[in-house]
Amino acid sequence: MLRGFAAIVESGQEHDEAQRALRWRYPQYVDMPIDELPVIAVRVARAAAWGKLE
């Protein structure tokens, strides 16, 4: 479980890096006009896990 805060990022370096990461991870985004769309940045403050994670 992750706990933290979310922020809408509409421009700047963080926005551009997130757009690049989305396009790398999801090839269908390469040809989509998503450049002007905002991204949601999640600032994780705390993480908790149960059980064995591998």
N, C-alpha and C. Protein backbone atom coordinates (compact mmCIF):
# COMPACT_ATOMS: atom_id res chain seq x y z
N MET A 1 0.85 -1.15 0.00
CA MET A 1 0.00 0.00 0.00
C MET A 1 0.90 1.23 0.00
N LEU A 2 0.54 2.19 -0.82
CA LEU A 2 1.27 3.44 -0.88
C LEU A 2 0.41 4.56 -0.31
N ARG A 3 1.04 5.43 0.45
CA ARG A 3 0.36 6.61 0.98
C ARG A 3 1.18 7.82 0.58
N GLY A 4 0.49 8.86 0.19
CA GLY A 4 1.20 10.06 -0.20
C GLY A 4 0.25 11.08 -0.77
N PHE A 5 0.78 11.90 -1.64
CA PHE A 5 0.01 13.00 -2.22
C PHE A 5 0.13 12.95 -3.74
N ALA A 6 -0.87 13.46 -4.41
CA ALA A 6 -0.85 13.52 -5.87
C ALA A 6 -0.90 14.98 -6.29
N ALA A 7 -0.24 15.25 -7.42
CA ALA A 7 -0.25 16.60 -7.98
C ALA A 7 -0.47 16.50 -9.48
N ILE A 8 -1.20 17.44 -10.02
CA ILE A 8 -1.40 17.50 -11.47
C ILE A 8 -0.28 18.36 -12.03
N VAL A 9 0.48 17.79 -12.97
CA VAL A 9 1.61 18.49 -13.58
C VAL A 9 1.25 18.79 -15.02
N GLU A 10 1.19 20.07 -15.36
CA GLU A 10 0.73 20.48 -16.69
C GLU A 10 1.85 20.86 -17.64
N SER A 11 3.05 21.16 -17.11
CA SER A 11 4.15 21.56 -17.98
C SER A 11 5.47 21.44 -17.23
N GLY A 12 6.56 21.65 -17.94
CA GLY A 12 7.88 21.64 -17.32
C GLY A 12 8.60 20.31 -17.50
N GLN A 13 9.76 20.23 -16.90
CA GLN A 13 10.63 19.06 -17.05
C GLN A 13 9.98 17.78 -16.53
N GLU A 14 9.36 17.85 -15.36
CA GLU A 14 8.71 16.66 -14.80
C GLU A 14 7.61 16.15 -15.73
N HIS A 15 6.83 17.08 -16.28
CA HIS A 15 5.76 16.73 -17.23
C HIS A 15 6.35 16.04 -18.45
N ASP A 16 7.39 16.64 -19.03
CA ASP A 16 8.00 16.09 -20.24
C ASP A 16 8.60 14.72 -20.01
N GLU A 17 9.28 14.53 -18.87
CA GLU A 17 9.86 13.23 -18.54
C GLU A 17 8.78 12.17 -18.33
N ALA A 18 7.68 12.56 -17.70
CA ALA A 18 6.57 11.62 -17.50
C ALA A 18 5.95 11.22 -18.84
N GLN A 19 5.80 12.17 -19.74
CA GLN A 19 5.26 11.87 -21.07
C GLN A 19 6.18 10.88 -21.81
N ARG A 20 7.49 11.11 -21.73
CA ARG A 20 8.44 10.19 -22.37
C ARG A 20 8.35 8.79 -21.76
N ALA A 21 8.25 8.73 -20.44
CA ALA A 21 8.15 7.44 -19.76
C ALA A 21 6.86 6.71 -20.16
N LEU A 22 5.76 7.43 -20.25
CA LEU A 22 4.50 6.81 -20.68
C LEU A 22 4.61 6.26 -22.09
N ARG A 23 5.22 7.02 -22.97
CA ARG A 23 5.37 6.56 -24.36
C ARG A 23 6.30 5.36 -24.46
N TRP A 24 7.32 5.31 -23.60
CA TRP A 24 8.23 4.16 -23.61
C TRP A 24 7.51 2.92 -23.10
N ARG A 25 6.73 3.08 -22.04
CA ARG A 25 6.05 1.95 -21.41
C ARG A 25 4.84 1.47 -22.21
N TYR A 26 4.12 2.41 -22.83
CA TYR A 26 2.90 2.08 -23.56
C TYR A 26 3.03 2.53 -25.01
N PRO A 27 3.49 1.64 -25.90
CA PRO A 27 3.74 2.00 -27.30
C PRO A 27 2.53 2.62 -28.00
N GLN A 28 1.33 2.31 -27.57
CA GLN A 28 0.16 2.88 -28.23
C GLN A 28 0.09 4.40 -28.04
N TYR A 29 0.81 4.95 -27.06
CA TYR A 29 0.82 6.39 -26.83
C TYR A 29 1.73 7.14 -27.79
N VAL A 30 2.63 6.43 -28.47
CA VAL A 30 3.60 7.09 -29.35
C VAL A 30 2.91 7.96 -30.40
N ASP A 31 1.86 7.46 -31.01
CA ASP A 31 1.18 8.21 -32.06
C ASP A 31 0.00 9.03 -31.57
N MET A 32 -0.24 9.02 -30.27
CA MET A 32 -1.38 9.79 -29.72
C MET A 32 -0.92 11.21 -29.37
N PRO A 33 -1.77 12.20 -29.61
CA PRO A 33 -1.42 13.59 -29.29
C PRO A 33 -1.63 13.90 -27.80
N ILE A 34 -0.73 13.40 -26.96
CA ILE A 34 -0.89 13.58 -25.51
C ILE A 34 0.02 14.66 -24.95
N ASP A 35 0.82 15.32 -25.80
CA ASP A 35 1.80 16.30 -25.32
C ASP A 35 1.21 17.39 -24.44
N GLU A 36 0.05 17.87 -24.78
CA GLU A 36 -0.56 18.98 -24.04
C GLU A 36 -1.39 18.54 -22.84
N LEU A 37 -1.55 17.24 -22.66
CA LEU A 37 -2.37 16.74 -21.55
C LEU A 37 -1.55 16.72 -20.26
N PRO A 38 -2.19 17.01 -19.12
CA PRO A 38 -1.48 16.95 -17.84
C PRO A 38 -1.21 15.50 -17.43
N VAL A 39 -0.27 15.34 -16.52
CA VAL A 39 0.01 14.03 -15.93
C VAL A 39 -0.21 14.14 -14.42
N ILE A 40 -0.43 13.01 -13.79
CA ILE A 40 -0.60 12.98 -12.33
C ILE A 40 0.68 12.42 -11.73
N ALA A 41 1.31 13.21 -10.88
CA ALA A 41 2.52 12.78 -10.18
C ALA A 41 2.14 12.37 -8.77
N VAL A 42 2.50 11.17 -8.40
CA VAL A 42 2.21 10.68 -7.04
C VAL A 42 3.49 10.79 -6.22
N ARG A 43 3.41 11.52 -5.14
CA ARG A 43 4.54 11.70 -4.22
C ARG A 43 4.34 10.72 -3.06
N VAL A 44 5.04 9.61 -3.11
CA VAL A 44 4.87 8.56 -2.10
C VAL A 44 5.57 8.99 -0.82
N ALA A 45 4.81 9.01 0.26
CA ALA A 45 5.35 9.37 1.57
C ALA A 45 5.64 8.13 2.41
N ARG A 46 4.88 7.06 2.14
CA ARG A 46 5.04 5.84 2.95
C ARG A 46 4.60 4.64 2.14
N ALA A 47 5.32 3.56 2.27
CA ALA A 47 4.95 2.31 1.60
C ALA A 47 4.91 1.19 2.63
N ALA A 48 3.93 0.32 2.50
CA ALA A 48 3.81 -0.83 3.40
C ALA A 48 3.54 -2.07 2.54
N ALA A 49 4.10 -3.18 2.96
CA ALA A 49 3.88 -4.43 2.23
C ALA A 49 3.62 -5.56 3.23
N TRP A 50 2.87 -6.53 2.75
CA TRP A 50 2.58 -7.71 3.54
C TRP A 50 3.08 -8.91 2.78
N GLY A 51 3.70 -9.80 3.47
CA GLY A 51 4.16 -11.03 2.83
C GLY A 51 5.50 -10.86 2.14
N LYS A 52 5.90 -11.91 1.47
CA LYS A 52 7.19 -11.95 0.80
C LYS A 52 7.06 -11.35 -0.60
N LEU A 53 7.84 -10.31 -0.86
CA LEU A 53 7.83 -9.66 -2.18
C LEU A 53 9.10 -10.03 -2.93
N GLU A 54 8.94 -10.61 -4.09
CA GLU A 54 10.10 -10.96 -4.91
C GLU A 54 9.86 -10.56 -6.33
